[in-house]
Amino acid sequence: MDPDKGNIKSDIKPSLIELSRVYDPRGNLSVVEEFRDVPFEIKRVFWIYDVPGGENRGGHSHKTLYQFIVATSGSFQVNVTDGVNKNSFFLNHPFIGVLIPPGFWATQEDFSSGAVCMVLASEYYDEDDYIRNYDDFLKWKEISK
């Protein structure tokens, strides 16, 4: 993979992953294990909450980082593009998440009241891994408008 050129050499595409569930009358439990449920080592976990109505999150791409996004509470839409093809994923179950490989632009939108977006990341925070401007993303991917 050459992260500086946008030539991500991977056949992994954004996709939904259903996690295992342990049913219990006291409350259910779901688990995410690195290299079993997600194809990466989990180095960072963060969550987004109290998103004001009408606001969007994300709006960037990563050069090398994988993300696994779960709606642990409430719901929201995850929109993903490689610069040509677009996919949308509606997350509203705490046992289903979307895998976003590097080289894809992603946004999270339409948060319900009380929604919590949890993100598992393959790398520690590194500002140099982010592409925050869509035109720069297309240039990095070597895609003409």
Protein backbone atom coordinates (compact mmCIF):
# COMPACT_ATOMS: atom_id res chain seq x y z
CA MET A 1 0.00 0.00 0.00
CA ASP A 2 1.30 3.43 -0.87
CA PRO A 3 -0.58 5.79 1.47
CA ASP A 4 1.00 8.86 -0.10
CA LYS A 5 -0.49 8.06 -3.52
CA GLY A 6 -3.95 6.86 -2.52
CA ASN A 7 -3.32 3.50 -4.19
CA ILE A 8 -4.78 1.31 -1.46
CA LYS A 9 -3.99 -2.23 -2.53
CA SER A 10 -6.74 -4.03 -0.70
CA ASP A 11 -9.85 -5.89 -1.71
CA ILE A 12 -11.53 -4.90 1.56
CA LYS A 13 -14.52 -2.66 0.93
CA PRO A 14 -16.83 -0.91 3.39
CA SER A 15 -19.21 -3.51 4.74
CA LEU A 16 -21.59 -4.30 7.56
CA ILE A 17 -20.38 -6.77 10.18
CA GLU A 18 -22.78 -8.44 12.58
CA LEU A 19 -21.22 -9.12 15.95
CA SER A 20 -21.89 -12.11 18.17
CA ARG A 21 -24.60 -11.66 20.76
CA VAL A 22 -24.97 -13.27 24.13
CA TYR A 23 -28.60 -13.19 25.19
CA ASP A 24 -29.29 -12.89 28.89
CA PRO A 25 -32.49 -11.88 30.71
CA ARG A 26 -30.37 -9.42 32.73
CA GLY A 27 -29.23 -7.69 29.53
CA ASN A 28 -27.56 -8.74 26.29
CA LEU A 29 -23.86 -8.49 25.46
CA SER A 30 -21.93 -8.10 22.20
CA VAL A 31 -18.20 -8.48 21.68
CA VAL A 32 -15.62 -7.17 19.18
CA GLU A 33 -12.30 -8.99 19.01
CA GLU A 34 -9.35 -7.82 16.94
CA PHE A 35 -8.47 -10.04 13.97
CA ARG A 36 -11.64 -12.08 14.59
CA ASP A 37 -14.49 -9.61 14.16
CA VAL A 38 -12.46 -6.78 12.63
CA PRO A 39 -9.39 -7.27 10.39
CA PHE A 40 -7.08 -5.07 12.46
CA GLU A 41 -5.47 -4.54 15.84
CA ILE A 42 -7.57 -2.16 17.91
CA LYS A 43 -5.33 0.70 19.05
CA ARG A 44 -7.90 3.39 19.81
CA VAL A 45 -11.56 3.60 20.83
CA PHE A 46 -13.62 6.77 20.94
CA TRP A 47 -17.29 7.68 20.89
CA ILE A 48 -19.33 10.60 19.67
CA TYR A 49 -22.47 11.71 21.50
CA ASP A 50 -24.73 14.73 22.09
CA VAL A 51 -24.61 15.57 18.38
CA PRO A 52 -26.91 18.57 17.83
CA GLY A 53 -29.79 18.08 15.40
CA GLY A 54 -28.76 18.60 11.78
CA GLU A 55 -25.03 18.26 12.46
CA ASN A 56 -22.75 15.82 10.64
CA ARG A 57 -19.60 14.13 11.86
CA GLY A 58 -16.67 12.61 10.00
CA GLY A 59 -16.20 14.29 6.66
CA HIS A 60 -12.69 12.97 6.08
CA SER A 61 -10.64 10.01 4.85
CA HIS A 62 -7.70 8.12 6.28
CA LYS A 63 -4.57 7.04 4.43
CA THR A 64 -3.81 3.94 6.52
CA LEU A 65 -6.34 3.73 9.38
CA TYR A 66 -9.23 1.24 9.50
CA GLN A 67 -12.39 2.12 11.41
CA PHE A 68 -15.24 0.03 12.73
CA ILE A 69 -18.28 2.17 13.58
CA VAL A 70 -21.18 1.02 15.79
CA ALA A 71 -24.34 2.79 16.93
CA THR A 72 -24.17 1.73 20.58
CA SER A 73 -27.34 3.75 21.19
CA GLY A 74 -29.83 5.38 18.83
CA SER A 75 -29.21 5.56 15.11
CA PHE A 76 -27.37 7.41 12.36
CA GLN A 77 -26.43 7.10 8.70
CA VAL A 78 -22.85 6.37 7.55
CA ASN A 79 -22.12 7.51 3.99
CA VAL A 80 -18.96 6.21 2.35
CA THR A 81 -17.33 6.81 -1.06
CA ASP A 82 -14.10 5.88 -2.77
CA GLY A 83 -14.50 8.97 -4.95
CA VAL A 84 -16.52 7.11 -7.59
CA ASN A 85 -18.83 4.60 -5.88
CA LYS A 86 -21.07 5.53 -2.94
CA ASN A 87 -22.62 3.41 -0.19
CA SER A 88 -24.87 4.27 2.72
CA PHE A 89 -25.29 2.24 5.89
CA PHE A 90 -28.03 2.87 8.45
CA LEU A 91 -26.82 1.84 11.91
CA ASN A 92 -29.40 1.31 14.63
CA HIS A 93 -28.37 -1.89 16.46
CA PRO A 94 -25.48 -2.18 18.95
CA PHE A 95 -24.51 -5.55 17.44
CA ILE A 96 -23.99 -4.35 13.86
CA GLY A 97 -21.21 -2.06 12.70
CA VAL A 98 -19.68 -0.84 9.47
CA LEU A 99 -16.06 -1.47 8.58
CA ILE A 100 -14.38 1.43 6.78
CA PRO A 101 -10.96 0.62 5.29
CA PRO A 102 -8.39 3.31 4.49
CA GLY A 103 -8.92 5.27 1.28
CA PHE A 104 -12.64 5.91 1.74
CA TRP A 105 -14.30 9.25 2.52
CA ALA A 106 -16.92 8.87 5.28
CA THR A 107 -19.53 11.01 6.98
CA GLN A 108 -22.00 10.27 9.74
CA GLU A 109 -25.36 12.03 9.46
CA ASP A 110 -28.96 12.08 10.70
CA PHE A 111 -28.19 11.29 14.34
CA SER A 112 -31.24 10.39 16.41
CA SER A 113 -31.71 11.94 19.82
CA GLY A 114 -29.42 10.19 22.30
CA ALA A 115 -27.36 8.46 19.62
CA VAL A 116 -23.88 7.27 20.54
CA CYS A 117 -21.39 6.49 17.77
CA MET A 118 -18.51 4.27 18.91
CA VAL A 119 -15.42 3.99 16.69
CA LEU A 120 -12.71 1.34 16.94
CA ALA A 121 -9.55 2.44 15.12
CA SER A 122 -6.51 0.51 13.90
CA GLU A 123 -4.03 3.30 14.68
CA TYR A 124 -3.30 5.87 17.35
CA TYR A 125 -4.34 9.42 16.51
CA ASP A 126 -2.10 10.90 13.81
CA GLU A 127 -3.22 14.12 12.11
CA ASP A 128 -0.99 13.31 9.11
CA ASP A 129 -3.19 10.26 8.36
CA TYR A 130 -6.27 12.46 7.80
CA ILE A 131 -7.44 13.98 4.53
CA ARG A 132 -9.97 16.63 5.53
CA ASN A 133 -10.71 18.29 2.18
CA TYR A 134 -12.73 16.34 -0.40
CA ASP A 135 -10.90 17.84 -3.39
CA ASP A 136 -7.58 16.84 -1.78
CA PHE A 137 -9.03 13.35 -1.27
CA LEU A 138 -9.90 13.05 -4.97
CA LYS A 139 -6.43 14.28 -5.89
CA TRP A 140 -4.86 11.76 -3.48
CA LYS A 141 -6.99 9.01 -5.04
CA GLU A 142 -5.93 10.29 -8.48
CA ILE A 143 -9.56 10.83 -9.51
CA SER A 144 -10.55 13.70 -11.80
CA LYS A 145 -13.72 15.64 -11.12
